[in-house]
């Protein structure tokens, strides 16, 4: 469920939060993700990584996003990218 999904934005935000909490749990940091919740999500085939980032190595993704930020700054004069920035939806 994309976070920008107009059909059900609340669900997109919830999914994003589950992924974030799971990552925190995997890093042994404070998290609201219980083992039972993670297992329930696994049982229905939940995808823990956002689709657009799944097949891109971390370094390549970082470089791509950094270039996009530099391009944004060149156009706007600042790095304050709005959360709902539509130009590159990833």
Protein backbone atom coordinates (compact mmCIF):
# COMPACT_ATOMS: atom_id res chain seq x y z
CA UNK A 1 0.00 0.00 0.00
CA UNK A 2 1.76 3.15 -1.10
CA UNK A 3 1.72 5.92 1.49
CA UNK A 4 0.49 8.25 -1.25
CA UNK A 5 -2.44 5.95 -2.00
CA UNK A 6 -5.42 8.27 -2.32
CA UNK A 7 -7.82 5.38 -1.80
CA UNK A 8 -6.76 4.72 1.77
CA UNK A 9 -4.07 7.10 2.99
CA UNK A 10 -4.53 5.98 6.60
CA UNK A 11 -3.69 2.40 5.62
CA UNK A 12 -0.57 3.56 3.75
CA UNK A 13 0.61 5.45 6.83
CA UNK A 14 -0.13 2.44 9.05
CA UNK A 15 1.90 0.15 6.74
CA UNK A 16 4.79 2.62 6.77
CA UNK A 17 4.67 2.65 10.57
CA UNK A 18 4.71 -1.16 10.76
CA UNK A 19 7.83 -1.25 8.59
CA UNK A 20 9.50 1.40 10.75
CA UNK A 21 8.64 -0.39 14.00
CA UNK A 22 9.87 -3.72 12.59
CA UNK A 23 13.20 -2.14 11.59
CA UNK A 24 13.57 -0.70 15.08
CA UNK A 25 12.85 -4.12 16.58
CA UNK A 26 15.46 -5.74 14.32
CA UNK A 27 18.01 -3.18 15.54
CA UNK A 28 17.19 -4.00 19.19
CA UNK A 29 15.76 -0.51 19.69
CA UNK A 30 12.54 0.46 21.44
CA UNK A 31 9.63 -0.61 19.25
CA UNK A 32 5.90 -1.22 19.39
CA UNK A 33 6.31 -4.25 17.11
CA UNK A 34 5.75 -7.42 19.10
CA UNK A 35 6.80 -10.85 17.90
CA UNK A 36 3.12 -11.77 17.63
CA UNK A 37 2.36 -8.77 15.44
CA UNK A 38 5.34 -9.47 13.19
CA UNK A 39 4.28 -13.11 12.86
CA UNK A 40 0.69 -12.10 12.05
CA UNK A 41 1.95 -9.79 9.31
CA UNK A 42 4.31 -12.50 8.01
CA UNK A 43 1.40 -14.95 7.91
CA UNK A 44 -0.49 -12.78 5.44
CA UNK A 45 2.57 -12.18 3.25
CA UNK A 46 3.37 -8.65 4.45
CA UNK A 47 6.29 -7.12 2.56
CA UNK A 48 8.71 -5.57 5.04
CA UNK A 49 10.53 -3.46 2.47
CA UNK A 50 8.89 -0.73 0.42
CA UNK A 51 8.57 -1.94 -3.15
CA UNK A 52 10.50 0.90 -4.77
CA UNK A 53 13.55 0.19 -2.59
CA UNK A 54 13.48 -3.61 -2.60
CA UNK A 55 15.82 -4.33 -5.52
CA UNK A 56 18.16 -1.38 -5.22
CA UNK A 57 21.37 -1.78 -3.22
CA UNK A 58 21.50 0.66 -0.30
CA UNK A 59 24.48 2.60 -1.66
CA UNK A 60 22.87 3.00 -5.08
CA UNK A 61 19.59 4.11 -3.53
CA UNK A 62 21.38 6.60 -1.28
CA UNK A 63 23.25 8.06 -4.27
CA UNK A 64 20.02 8.32 -6.28
CA UNK A 65 18.15 10.08 -3.49
CA UNK A 66 21.10 12.39 -2.80
CA UNK A 67 21.17 13.42 -6.47
CA UNK A 68 17.42 14.03 -6.37
CA UNK A 69 17.87 16.23 -3.30
CA UNK A 70 20.66 18.20 -4.99
CA UNK A 71 18.44 18.68 -8.06
CA UNK A 72 15.58 19.82 -5.82
CA UNK A 73 17.85 22.33 -4.10
CA UNK A 74 19.12 23.63 -7.45
CA UNK A 75 15.51 24.32 -8.49
CA UNK A 76 14.19 25.69 -5.20
CA UNK A 77 17.21 27.05 -3.34
CA UNK A 78 16.53 24.93 -0.25
CA UNK A 79 16.34 21.31 0.98
CA UNK A 80 12.93 21.50 2.65
CA UNK A 81 11.23 18.81 0.54
CA UNK A 82 7.53 18.55 1.42
CA UNK A 83 6.42 15.13 2.64
CA UNK A 84 3.83 14.97 -0.15
CA UNK A 85 6.27 16.09 -2.90
CA UNK A 86 4.74 14.82 -6.13
CA UNK A 87 7.50 15.32 -8.71
CA UNK A 88 9.32 12.06 -8.01
CA UNK A 89 7.00 9.66 -6.29
CA UNK A 90 9.84 7.11 -6.08
